[in-house]
Amino acid sequence: MEADSYARRLWVLWLALPLTALNYWLCWNHLPARIAMHQDASGRPNGWASPDGARMFSLGFLFFLLLVLTAVGYLVATLRPDRAKPAVVLLYLVVGVVWACLNAFVWLNLTA
């Protein structure tokens, strides 16, 4: 495939941002007043935030990560087209894991 097609596929990564916002919007009325944002090694919460603080952190961190990874993906696709496919796959994996971790703040606090 052409390097341009890999560069275009990077824009699909940006769906993680509205999906995260949608997750917070759908669960907003069910969230507790304090959201556990960090756990120790045994799984007990030891870091807390308000729902608004958790939402702003999640969306801000994801936005920054997507900016950086999109720039890196474009550079790889244009400078090293032979490395574009593995780079795009790796970027999808990274964004997927980060997206799941950021949305886990909501999911785990709804079930705890």
N, C-alpha and C. Protein backbone atom coordinates (compact mmCIF):
# COMPACT_ATOMS: atom_id res chain seq x y z
N MET A 1 0.83 -1.19 0.00
CA MET A 1 0.00 0.00 0.00
C MET A 1 0.86 1.24 0.00
N GLU A 2 0.27 2.27 -0.41
CA GLU A 2 0.93 3.55 -0.52
C GLU A 2 1.02 4.22 0.86
N ALA A 3 2.04 5.03 1.06
CA ALA A 3 2.23 5.70 2.35
C ALA A 3 1.07 6.62 2.68
N ASP A 4 0.44 7.18 1.67
CA ASP A 4 -0.71 8.06 1.88
C ASP A 4 -1.88 7.34 2.55
N SER A 5 -2.08 6.08 2.17
CA SER A 5 -3.20 5.34 2.76
C SER A 5 -2.93 5.06 4.24
N TYR A 6 -1.68 4.83 4.60
CA TYR A 6 -1.36 4.64 6.02
C TYR A 6 -1.53 5.93 6.80
N ALA A 7 -1.17 7.02 6.19
CA ALA A 7 -1.33 8.31 6.86
C ALA A 7 -2.82 8.61 7.08
N ARG A 8 -3.67 8.24 6.13
CA ARG A 8 -5.10 8.46 6.29
C ARG A 8 -5.69 7.57 7.38
N ARG A 9 -5.14 6.40 7.55
CA ARG A 9 -5.64 5.49 8.58
C ARG A 9 -5.35 6.01 9.99
N LEU A 10 -4.42 6.93 10.11
CA LEU A 10 -4.13 7.51 11.42
C LEU A 10 -5.31 8.30 11.96
N TRP A 11 -6.12 8.85 11.07
CA TRP A 11 -7.25 9.66 11.52
C TRP A 11 -8.33 8.83 12.21
N VAL A 12 -8.37 7.54 11.95
CA VAL A 12 -9.34 6.67 12.63
C VAL A 12 -9.03 6.60 14.12
N LEU A 13 -7.75 6.77 14.48
CA LEU A 13 -7.38 6.77 15.88
C LEU A 13 -8.11 7.85 16.67
N TRP A 14 -8.46 8.93 16.00
CA TRP A 14 -9.12 10.06 16.68
C TRP A 14 -10.54 9.74 17.11
N LEU A 15 -11.08 8.60 16.71
CA LEU A 15 -12.40 8.18 17.20
C LEU A 15 -12.37 7.88 18.70
N ALA A 16 -11.19 7.61 19.23
CA ALA A 16 -11.08 7.33 20.67
C ALA A 16 -11.52 8.53 21.50
N LEU A 17 -11.29 9.73 21.02
CA LEU A 17 -11.64 10.94 21.77
C LEU A 17 -13.16 11.11 21.92
N PRO A 18 -13.94 11.09 20.84
CA PRO A 18 -15.39 11.22 21.04
C PRO A 18 -16.00 10.00 21.74
N LEU A 19 -15.40 8.83 21.58
CA LEU A 19 -15.91 7.65 22.29
C LEU A 19 -15.71 7.78 23.80
N THR A 20 -14.59 8.36 24.20
CA THR A 20 -14.35 8.58 25.62
C THR A 20 -15.31 9.63 26.17
N ALA A 21 -15.52 10.70 25.41
CA ALA A 21 -16.47 11.73 25.84
C ALA A 21 -17.88 11.14 25.93
N LEU A 22 -18.25 10.30 24.99
CA LEU A 22 -19.56 9.65 25.01
C LEU A 22 -19.70 8.74 26.23
N ASN A 23 -18.65 8.03 26.58
CA ASN A 23 -18.67 7.17 27.76
C ASN A 23 -18.94 7.97 29.03
N TYR A 24 -18.25 9.09 29.18
CA TYR A 24 -18.50 9.94 30.34
C TYR A 24 -19.91 10.52 30.32
N TRP A 25 -20.38 10.93 29.14
CA TRP A 25 -21.71 11.53 29.03
C TRP A 25 -22.80 10.53 29.40
N LEU A 26 -22.67 9.29 28.92
CA LEU A 26 -23.68 8.27 29.20
C LEU A 26 -23.72 7.87 30.68
N CYS A 27 -22.58 7.90 31.34
CA CYS A 27 -22.49 7.43 32.73
C CYS A 27 -22.47 8.56 33.75
N TRP A 28 -22.56 9.81 33.30
CA TRP A 28 -22.35 10.96 34.17
C TRP A 28 -23.23 10.95 35.41
N ASN A 29 -24.50 10.67 35.28
CA ASN A 29 -25.42 10.72 36.42
C ASN A 29 -25.24 9.56 37.40
N HIS A 30 -24.49 8.54 37.00
CA HIS A 30 -24.31 7.37 37.85
C HIS A 30 -22.95 7.34 38.55
N LEU A 31 -22.10 8.30 38.24
CA LEU A 31 -20.75 8.32 38.82
C LEU A 31 -20.80 8.80 40.26
N PRO A 32 -19.93 8.25 41.11
CA PRO A 32 -19.87 8.74 42.50
C PRO A 32 -19.22 10.12 42.55
N ALA A 33 -19.29 10.76 43.71
CA ALA A 33 -18.72 12.10 43.88
C ALA A 33 -17.20 12.09 43.78
N ARG A 34 -16.59 10.98 44.16
CA ARG A 34 -15.13 10.81 44.03
C ARG A 34 -14.86 9.59 43.18
N ILE A 35 -14.01 9.76 42.18
CA ILE A 35 -13.65 8.66 41.29
C ILE A 35 -12.24 8.21 41.62
N ALA A 36 -12.08 6.91 41.80
CA ALA A 36 -10.74 6.35 42.03
C ALA A 36 -9.95 6.42 40.73
N MET A 37 -8.83 7.12 40.77
CA MET A 37 -8.01 7.30 39.57
C MET A 37 -6.70 6.52 39.62
N HIS A 38 -6.39 5.95 40.76
CA HIS A 38 -5.13 5.22 40.92
C HIS A 38 -5.32 4.15 41.96
N GLN A 39 -4.72 3.00 41.73
CA GLN A 39 -4.77 1.91 42.70
C GLN A 39 -3.36 1.49 43.07
N ASP A 40 -3.23 0.95 44.31
CA ASP A 40 -1.93 0.43 44.71
C ASP A 40 -1.76 -0.99 44.14
N ALA A 41 -0.69 -1.66 44.54
CA ALA A 41 -0.38 -2.98 43.98
C ALA A 41 -1.44 -4.02 44.32
N SER A 42 -2.15 -3.85 45.42
CA SER A 42 -3.18 -4.82 45.80
C SER A 42 -4.56 -4.46 45.26
N GLY A 43 -4.67 -3.39 44.50
CA GLY A 43 -5.92 -3.02 43.87
C GLY A 43 -6.79 -2.08 44.67
N ARG A 44 -6.28 -1.58 45.81
CA ARG A 44 -7.05 -0.62 46.61
C ARG A 44 -6.83 0.79 46.08
N PRO A 45 -7.90 1.57 45.93
CA PRO A 45 -7.75 2.95 45.42
C PRO A 45 -6.94 3.81 46.39
N ASN A 46 -6.02 4.60 45.84
CA ASN A 46 -5.25 5.53 46.67
C ASN A 46 -5.08 6.89 46.00
N GLY A 47 -5.81 7.14 44.92
CA GLY A 47 -5.81 8.44 44.25
C GLY A 47 -7.22 8.74 43.77
N TRP A 48 -7.72 9.94 44.06
CA TRP A 48 -9.10 10.27 43.78
C TRP A 48 -9.21 11.56 42.98
N ALA A 49 -10.33 11.70 42.28
CA ALA A 49 -10.63 12.94 41.53
C ALA A 49 -12.14 13.10 41.47
N SER A 50 -12.58 14.30 41.19
CA SER A 50 -14.00 14.53 40.95
C SER A 50 -14.35 13.97 39.57
N PRO A 51 -15.61 13.71 39.30
CA PRO A 51 -15.97 13.24 37.95
C PRO A 51 -15.52 14.22 36.85
N ASP A 52 -15.65 15.53 37.12
CA ASP A 52 -15.23 16.51 36.13
C ASP A 52 -13.71 16.48 35.95
N GLY A 53 -12.97 16.33 37.05
CA GLY A 53 -11.51 16.24 36.96
C GLY A 53 -11.07 15.00 36.22
N ALA A 54 -11.75 13.88 36.47
CA ALA A 54 -11.41 12.64 35.76
C ALA A 54 -11.70 12.77 34.27
N ARG A 55 -12.82 13.40 33.93
CA ARG A 55 -13.17 13.59 32.52
C ARG A 55 -12.15 14.49 31.82
N MET A 56 -11.79 15.60 32.46
CA MET A 56 -10.83 16.53 31.86
C MET A 56 -9.45 15.87 31.71
N PHE A 57 -9.04 15.11 32.72
CA PHE A 57 -7.75 14.40 32.62
C PHE A 57 -7.78 13.41 31.46
N SER A 58 -8.84 12.60 31.39
CA SER A 58 -8.92 11.58 30.35
C SER A 58 -8.92 12.18 28.96
N LEU A 59 -9.76 13.20 28.75
CA LEU A 59 -9.85 13.81 27.43
C LEU A 59 -8.58 14.59 27.07
N GLY A 60 -8.01 15.28 28.06
CA GLY A 60 -6.78 16.03 27.81
C GLY A 60 -5.60 15.13 27.50
N PHE A 61 -5.45 14.07 28.29
CA PHE A 61 -4.34 13.13 28.06
C PHE A 61 -4.49 12.44 26.71
N LEU A 62 -5.71 12.01 26.39
CA LEU A 62 -5.94 11.34 25.12
C LEU A 62 -5.71 12.28 23.94
N PHE A 63 -6.13 13.53 24.06
CA PHE A 63 -5.90 14.51 23.00
C PHE A 63 -4.40 14.72 22.76
N PHE A 64 -3.64 14.89 23.84
CA PHE A 64 -2.20 15.08 23.71
C PHE A 64 -1.54 13.84 23.08
N LEU A 65 -1.93 12.66 23.56
CA LEU A 65 -1.37 11.43 23.01
C LEU A 65 -1.68 11.29 21.53
N LEU A 66 -2.90 11.59 21.13
CA LEU A 66 -3.27 11.49 19.72
C LEU A 66 -2.51 12.49 18.86
N LEU A 67 -2.29 13.69 19.37
CA LEU A 67 -1.48 14.66 18.62
C LEU A 67 -0.07 14.13 18.36
N VAL A 68 0.55 13.62 19.40
CA VAL A 68 1.92 13.12 19.27
C VAL A 68 1.96 11.90 18.35
N LEU A 69 1.05 10.96 18.56
CA LEU A 69 1.09 9.73 17.75
C LEU A 69 0.71 9.97 16.30
N THR A 70 -0.16 10.92 16.04
CA THR A 70 -0.48 11.26 14.65
C THR A 70 0.74 11.86 13.95
N ALA A 71 1.44 12.74 14.65
CA ALA A 71 2.66 13.33 14.07
C ALA A 71 3.71 12.26 13.81
N VAL A 72 3.90 11.37 14.76
CA VAL A 72 4.87 10.28 14.58
C VAL A 72 4.45 9.38 13.42
N GLY A 73 3.18 9.05 13.36
CA GLY A 73 2.69 8.19 12.27
C GLY A 73 2.88 8.82 10.91
N TYR A 74 2.61 10.12 10.79
CA TYR A 74 2.83 10.81 9.52
C TYR A 74 4.30 10.82 9.14
N LEU A 75 5.15 11.06 10.11
CA LEU A 75 6.59 11.05 9.81
C LEU A 75 7.05 9.68 9.33
N VAL A 76 6.62 8.64 10.01
CA VAL A 76 7.01 7.29 9.59
C VAL A 76 6.45 6.98 8.21
N ALA A 77 5.19 7.33 7.96
CA ALA A 77 4.56 7.02 6.67
C ALA A 77 5.22 7.77 5.52
N THR A 78 5.73 8.97 5.77
CA THR A 78 6.34 9.74 4.68
C THR A 78 7.84 9.48 4.55
N LEU A 79 8.53 9.34 5.68
CA LEU A 79 9.99 9.15 5.62
C LEU A 79 10.39 7.70 5.41
N ARG A 80 9.65 6.77 6.00
CA ARG A 80 9.97 5.34 5.90
C ARG A 80 8.73 4.55 5.52
N PRO A 81 8.27 4.65 4.28
CA PRO A 81 7.04 3.96 3.89
C PRO A 81 7.10 2.45 4.09
N ASP A 82 8.31 1.87 4.05
CA ASP A 82 8.44 0.43 4.27
C ASP A 82 8.12 0.05 5.72
N ARG A 83 8.19 1.00 6.63
CA ARG A 83 7.90 0.75 8.05
C ARG A 83 6.51 1.24 8.46
N ALA A 84 5.72 1.71 7.51
CA ALA A 84 4.44 2.33 7.84
C ALA A 84 3.44 1.33 8.41
N LYS A 85 3.34 0.14 7.82
CA LYS A 85 2.35 -0.82 8.29
C LYS A 85 2.58 -1.24 9.74
N PRO A 86 3.80 -1.66 10.13
CA PRO A 86 4.00 -2.01 11.54
C PRO A 86 3.82 -0.82 12.47
N ALA A 87 4.18 0.37 12.00
CA ALA A 87 4.03 1.56 12.85
C ALA A 87 2.56 1.86 13.11
N VAL A 88 1.74 1.77 12.09
CA VAL A 88 0.31 2.04 12.26
C VAL A 88 -0.33 0.99 13.17
N VAL A 89 0.05 -0.26 13.01
CA VAL A 89 -0.46 -1.32 13.89
C VAL A 89 -0.06 -1.04 15.34
N LEU A 90 1.18 -0.65 15.55
CA LEU A 90 1.64 -0.34 16.91
C LEU A 90 0.89 0.86 17.48
N LEU A 91 0.65 1.89 16.68
CA LEU A 91 -0.08 3.05 17.16
C LEU A 91 -1.52 2.69 17.52
N TYR A 92 -2.15 1.82 16.74
CA TYR A 92 -3.49 1.35 17.08
C TYR A 92 -3.49 0.60 18.41
N LEU A 93 -2.49 -0.23 18.63
CA LEU A 93 -2.39 -0.96 19.90
C LEU A 93 -2.21 -0.01 21.08
N VAL A 94 -1.34 0.97 20.93
CA VAL A 94 -1.08 1.92 22.01
C VAL A 94 -2.34 2.71 22.34
N VAL A 95 -3.00 3.25 21.33
CA VAL A 95 -4.21 4.03 21.57
C VAL A 95 -5.31 3.14 22.15
N GLY A 96 -5.42 1.92 21.71
CA GLY A 96 -6.42 1.00 22.24
C GLY A 96 -6.22 0.71 23.72
N VAL A 97 -4.99 0.47 24.11
CA VAL A 97 -4.69 0.18 25.52
C VAL A 97 -4.92 1.43 26.38
N VAL A 98 -4.46 2.58 25.91
CA VAL A 98 -4.66 3.82 26.67
C VAL A 98 -6.14 4.15 26.76
N TRP A 99 -6.88 3.97 25.66
CA TRP A 99 -8.31 4.23 25.68
C TRP A 99 -9.02 3.34 26.71
N ALA A 100 -8.65 2.06 26.73
CA ALA A 100 -9.28 1.13 27.69
C ALA A 100 -8.94 1.53 29.13
N CYS A 101 -7.71 1.92 29.37
CA CYS A 101 -7.31 2.33 30.73
C CYS A 101 -8.04 3.60 31.17
N LEU A 102 -8.14 4.58 30.29
CA LEU A 102 -8.83 5.82 30.64
C LEU A 102 -10.32 5.61 30.85
N ASN A 103 -10.92 4.75 30.08
CA ASN A 103 -12.34 4.46 30.25
C ASN A 103 -12.59 3.54 31.44
N ALA A 104 -11.58 2.84 31.88
CA ALA A 104 -11.71 2.00 33.07
C ALA A 104 -11.99 2.84 34.31
N PHE A 105 -11.57 4.10 34.32
CA PHE A 105 -11.90 4.98 35.45
C PHE A 105 -13.42 5.03 35.63
N VAL A 106 -14.14 5.10 34.54
CA VAL A 106 -15.60 5.16 34.60
C VAL A 106 -16.15 3.77 34.92
N TRP A 107 -15.75 2.77 34.16
CA TRP A 107 -16.31 1.44 34.29
C TRP A 107 -16.12 0.87 35.69
N LEU A 108 -14.92 1.01 36.23
CA LEU A 108 -14.64 0.45 37.55
C LEU A 108 -15.36 1.19 38.67
N ASN A 109 -15.54 2.49 38.51
CA ASN A 109 -16.25 3.25 39.53
C ASN A 109 -17.76 3.03 39.47
N LEU A 110 -18.26 2.58 38.37
CA LEU A 110 -19.69 2.27 38.29
C LEU A 110 -19.99 0.93 38.96
N THR A 111 -19.04 0.02 38.95
CA THR A 111 -19.27 -1.31 39.49
C THR A 111 -18.76 -1.46 40.93
N ALA A 112 -17.94 -0.54 41.40
CA ALA A 112 -17.36 -0.69 42.75
C ALA A 112 -18.33 -0.27 43.82
